C-alpha atoms as a PDB file:
ATOM      1  CA  MET A   1      42.444  -5.849   7.523  1.00  0.00           C
ATOM      2  CA  LEU A   2      41.651  -2.814   9.604  1.00  0.00           C
ATOM      3  CA  ASN A   3      44.277  -1.451  11.986  1.00  0.00           C
ATOM      4  CA  ILE A   4      43.433  -1.113  15.681  1.00  0.00           C
ATOM      5  CA  ASP A   5      42.405   2.549  15.437  1.00  0.00           C
ATOM      6  CA  GLU A   6      40.006   1.760  12.613  1.00  0.00           C
ATOM      7  CA  GLN A   7      38.541  -1.126  14.631  1.00  0.00           C
ATOM      8  CA  LEU A   8      38.061   1.128  17.642  1.00  0.00           C
ATOM      9  CA  ASP A   9      36.354   3.692  15.379  1.00  0.00           C
ATOM     10  CA  LEU A  10      33.912   0.991  14.293  1.00  0.00           C
ATOM     11  CA  ILE A  11      33.123   0.155  17.896  1.00  0.00           C
ATOM     12  CA  ALA A  12      32.568   3.817  18.701  1.00  0.00           C
ATOM     13  CA  LEU A  13      30.351   4.214  15.619  1.00  0.00           C
ATOM     14  CA  THR A  14      28.357   1.151  16.680  1.00  0.00           C
ATOM     15  CA  TRP A  15      27.858   2.493  20.182  1.00  0.00           C
ATOM     16  CA  LEU A  16      26.867   5.910  18.838  1.00  0.00           C
ATOM     17  CA  GLY A  17      24.323   4.348  16.503  1.00  0.00           C
ATOM     18  CA  ARG A  18      22.949   2.178  19.288  1.00  0.00           C
ATOM     19  CA  GLY A  19      22.391   5.263  21.428  1.00  0.00           C
ATOM     20  CA  ASP A  20      24.910   4.421  24.129  1.00  0.00           C
ATOM     21  CA  PHE A  21      26.740   7.769  23.789  1.00  0.00           C
ATOM     22  CA  PRO A  22      25.675  11.270  22.778  1.00  0.00           C
ATOM     23  CA  SER A  23      28.860  11.926  20.801  1.00  0.00           C
ATOM     24  CA  PHE A  24      31.354   9.993  18.704  1.00  0.00           C
ATOM     25  CA  GLU A  25      34.222  11.477  20.700  1.00  0.00           C
ATOM     26  CA  GLY A  26      32.870  10.109  23.974  1.00  0.00           C
ATOM     27  CA  ALA A  27      32.253   6.684  22.458  1.00  0.00           C
ATOM     28  CA  ARG A  28      35.734   6.676  20.960  1.00  0.00           C
ATOM     29  CA  ARG A  29      37.330   7.457  24.322  1.00  0.00           C
ATOM     30  CA  GLU A  30      35.458   4.547  25.911  1.00  0.00           C
ATOM     31  CA  ALA A  31      36.346   2.266  23.007  1.00  0.00           C
ATOM     32  CA  GLU A  32      40.009   2.539  24.026  1.00  0.00           C
ATOM     33  CA  ASP A  33      39.178   0.058  26.811  1.00  0.00           C
ATOM     34  CA  MET A  34      38.533  -2.514  24.057  1.00  0.00           C
ATOM     35  CA  ARG A  35      42.079  -2.205  22.684  1.00  0.00           C
ATOM     36  CA  ASP A  36      43.202  -5.535  24.149  1.00  0.00           C
ATOM     37  CA  LYS A  37      40.005  -7.431  23.324  1.00  0.00           C
ATOM     38  CA  HIS A  38      39.188  -9.485  20.231  1.00  0.00           C
ATOM     39  CA  ILE A  39      37.318  -6.722  18.417  1.00  0.00           C
ATOM     40  CA  PRO A  40      36.266  -8.648  15.281  1.00  0.00           C
ATOM     41  CA  SER A  41      34.458 -11.232  17.434  1.00  0.00           C
ATOM     42  CA  TYR A  42      32.799  -8.480  19.419  1.00  0.00           C
ATOM     43  CA  LEU A  43      31.555  -6.733  16.279  1.00  0.00           C
ATOM     44  CA  ILE A  44      30.397  -9.935  14.560  1.00  0.00           C
ATOM     45  CA  GLY A  45      28.491 -10.895  17.684  1.00  0.00           C
ATOM     46  CA  THR A  46      26.619  -7.593  17.796  1.00  0.00           C
ATOM     47  CA  PRO A  47      23.026  -8.045  16.646  1.00  0.00           C
ATOM     48  CA  LYS A  48      21.867  -5.391  14.167  1.00  0.00           C
ATOM     49  CA  LEU A  49      25.459  -4.217  13.636  1.00  0.00           C
ATOM     50  CA  GLY A  50      24.695  -2.851  10.160  1.00  0.00           C
ATOM     51  CA  ASP A  51      21.766  -0.836  11.458  1.00  0.00           C
ATOM     52  CA  TYR A  52      23.874   0.642  14.262  1.00  0.00           C
ATOM     53  CA  LEU A  53      26.697   1.553  11.878  1.00  0.00           C
ATOM     54  CA  GLU A  54      24.263   3.194   9.488  1.00  0.00           C
ATOM     55  CA  GLU A  55      22.621   5.161  12.308  1.00  0.00           C
ATOM     56  CA  GLY A  56      26.008   6.201  13.711  1.00  0.00           C
ATOM     57  CA  LEU A  57      27.063   7.486  10.309  1.00  0.00           C
ATOM     58  CA  ALA A  58      23.767   9.344   9.927  1.00  0.00           C
ATOM     59  CA  GLN A  59      24.382  11.057  13.283  1.00  0.00           C
ATOM     60  CA  LEU A  60      27.752  12.202  11.940  1.00  0.00           C
ATOM     61  CA  GLY A  61      26.086  13.579   8.812  1.00  0.00           C
ATOM     62  CA  TYR A  62      26.834  10.762   6.367  1.00  0.00           C
ATOM     63  CA  SER A  63      24.152   9.093   4.247  1.00  0.00           C
ATOM     64  CA  LEU A  64      24.710   5.602   2.899  1.00  0.00           C
ATOM     65  CA  GLU A  65      21.949   6.211   0.370  1.00  0.00           C
ATOM     66  CA  GLU A  66      23.790   9.207  -1.061  1.00  0.00           C
ATOM     67  CA  PHE A  67      27.025   7.228  -1.090  1.00  0.00           C
ATOM     68  CA  GLU A  68      25.389   4.420  -3.078  1.00  0.00           C
ATOM     69  CA  VAL A  69      24.102   6.726  -5.809  1.00  0.00           C
ATOM     70  CA  ASN A  70      25.924   5.887  -9.061  1.00  0.00           C
ATOM     71  CA  ARG A  71      28.127   3.330  -7.297  1.00  0.00           C
ATOM     72  CA  LEU A  72      25.934   0.237  -7.486  1.00  0.00           C
END
Protein backbone atom coordinates (compact mmCIF):
# COMPACT_ATOMS: atom_id res chain seq x y z
CA MET A 1 0.00 0.00 0.00
CA LEU A 2 1.23 3.47 -0.87
CA ASN A 3 1.68 6.03 1.88
CA ILE A 4 -0.17 9.35 1.67
CA ASP A 5 2.74 11.21 0.07
CA GLU A 6 3.05 8.58 -2.65
CA GLN A 7 -0.70 8.77 -3.29
CA LEU A 8 -0.53 12.55 -3.57
CA ASP A 9 2.39 12.18 -6.00
CA LEU A 10 0.19 9.94 -8.17
CA ILE A 11 -2.56 12.55 -8.17
CA ALA A 12 -0.08 15.26 -9.14
CA LEU A 13 1.37 13.05 -11.89
CA THR A 14 -2.15 12.38 -13.19
CA TRP A 15 -2.99 16.07 -13.26
CA LEU A 16 0.31 16.89 -14.97
CA GLY A 17 -0.31 14.24 -17.63
CA ARG A 18 -3.87 15.47 -18.15
CA GLY A 19 -2.57 18.98 -18.78
CA ASP A 20 -4.13 20.60 -15.73
CA PHE A 21 -0.80 22.04 -14.51
CA PRO A 22 2.37 23.18 -16.26
CA SER A 23 4.66 21.70 -13.59
CA PHE A 24 4.72 18.74 -11.24
CA GLU A 25 5.52 21.03 -8.33
CA GLY A 26 2.39 23.10 -8.88
CA ALA A 27 0.24 19.99 -9.23
CA ARG A 28 1.77 18.51 -6.08
CA ARG A 29 1.01 21.64 -4.06
CA GLU A 30 -2.64 21.49 -5.18
CA ALA A 31 -2.80 17.75 -4.48
CA GLU A 32 -2.29 18.53 -0.78
CA ASP A 33 -5.98 19.53 -0.73
CA MET A 34 -6.80 15.87 -1.45
CA ARG A 35 -5.03 14.68 1.72
CA ASP A 36 -8.30 13.99 3.56
CA LYS A 37 -10.13 12.46 0.59
CA HIS A 38 -10.37 8.81 -0.43
CA ILE A 39 -7.55 8.94 -2.97
CA PRO A 40 -7.73 5.34 -4.25
CA SER A 41 -11.38 5.82 -5.26
CA TYR A 42 -10.53 9.11 -6.94
CA LEU A 43 -7.72 7.52 -8.96
CA ILE A 44 -9.69 4.40 -9.89
CA GLY A 45 -12.56 6.60 -11.07
CA THR A 46 -10.31 8.63 -13.37
CA PRO A 47 -10.88 7.66 -17.01
CA LYS A 48 -7.65 7.10 -18.96
CA LEU A 49 -5.60 7.08 -15.73
CA GLY A 50 -2.83 4.97 -17.28
CA ASP A 51 -2.50 7.36 -20.20
CA TYR A 52 -2.29 10.37 -17.89
CA LEU A 53 0.32 8.71 -15.69
CA GLU A 54 2.41 7.77 -18.72
CA GLU A 55 2.17 11.31 -20.13
CA GLY A 56 3.04 12.83 -16.75
CA LEU A 57 6.11 10.62 -16.50
CA ALA A 58 7.11 11.55 -20.05
CA GLN A 59 6.90 15.24 -19.13
CA LEU A 60 9.28 14.53 -16.26
CA GLY A 61 11.70 12.79 -18.63
CA TYR A 62 10.83 9.15 -17.90
CA SER A 63 9.98 6.64 -20.62
CA LEU A 64 7.94 3.58 -19.80
CA GLU A 65 9.15 1.97 -23.01
CA GLU A 66 12.77 2.32 -21.91
CA PHE A 67 11.88 0.98 -18.47
CA GLU A 68 10.25 -2.11 -19.98
CA VAL A 69 13.29 -3.04 -22.06
CA ASN A 70 14.71 -6.32 -20.73
CA ARG A 71 12.17 -6.39 -17.88
CA LEU A 72 9.24 -8.11 -19.59
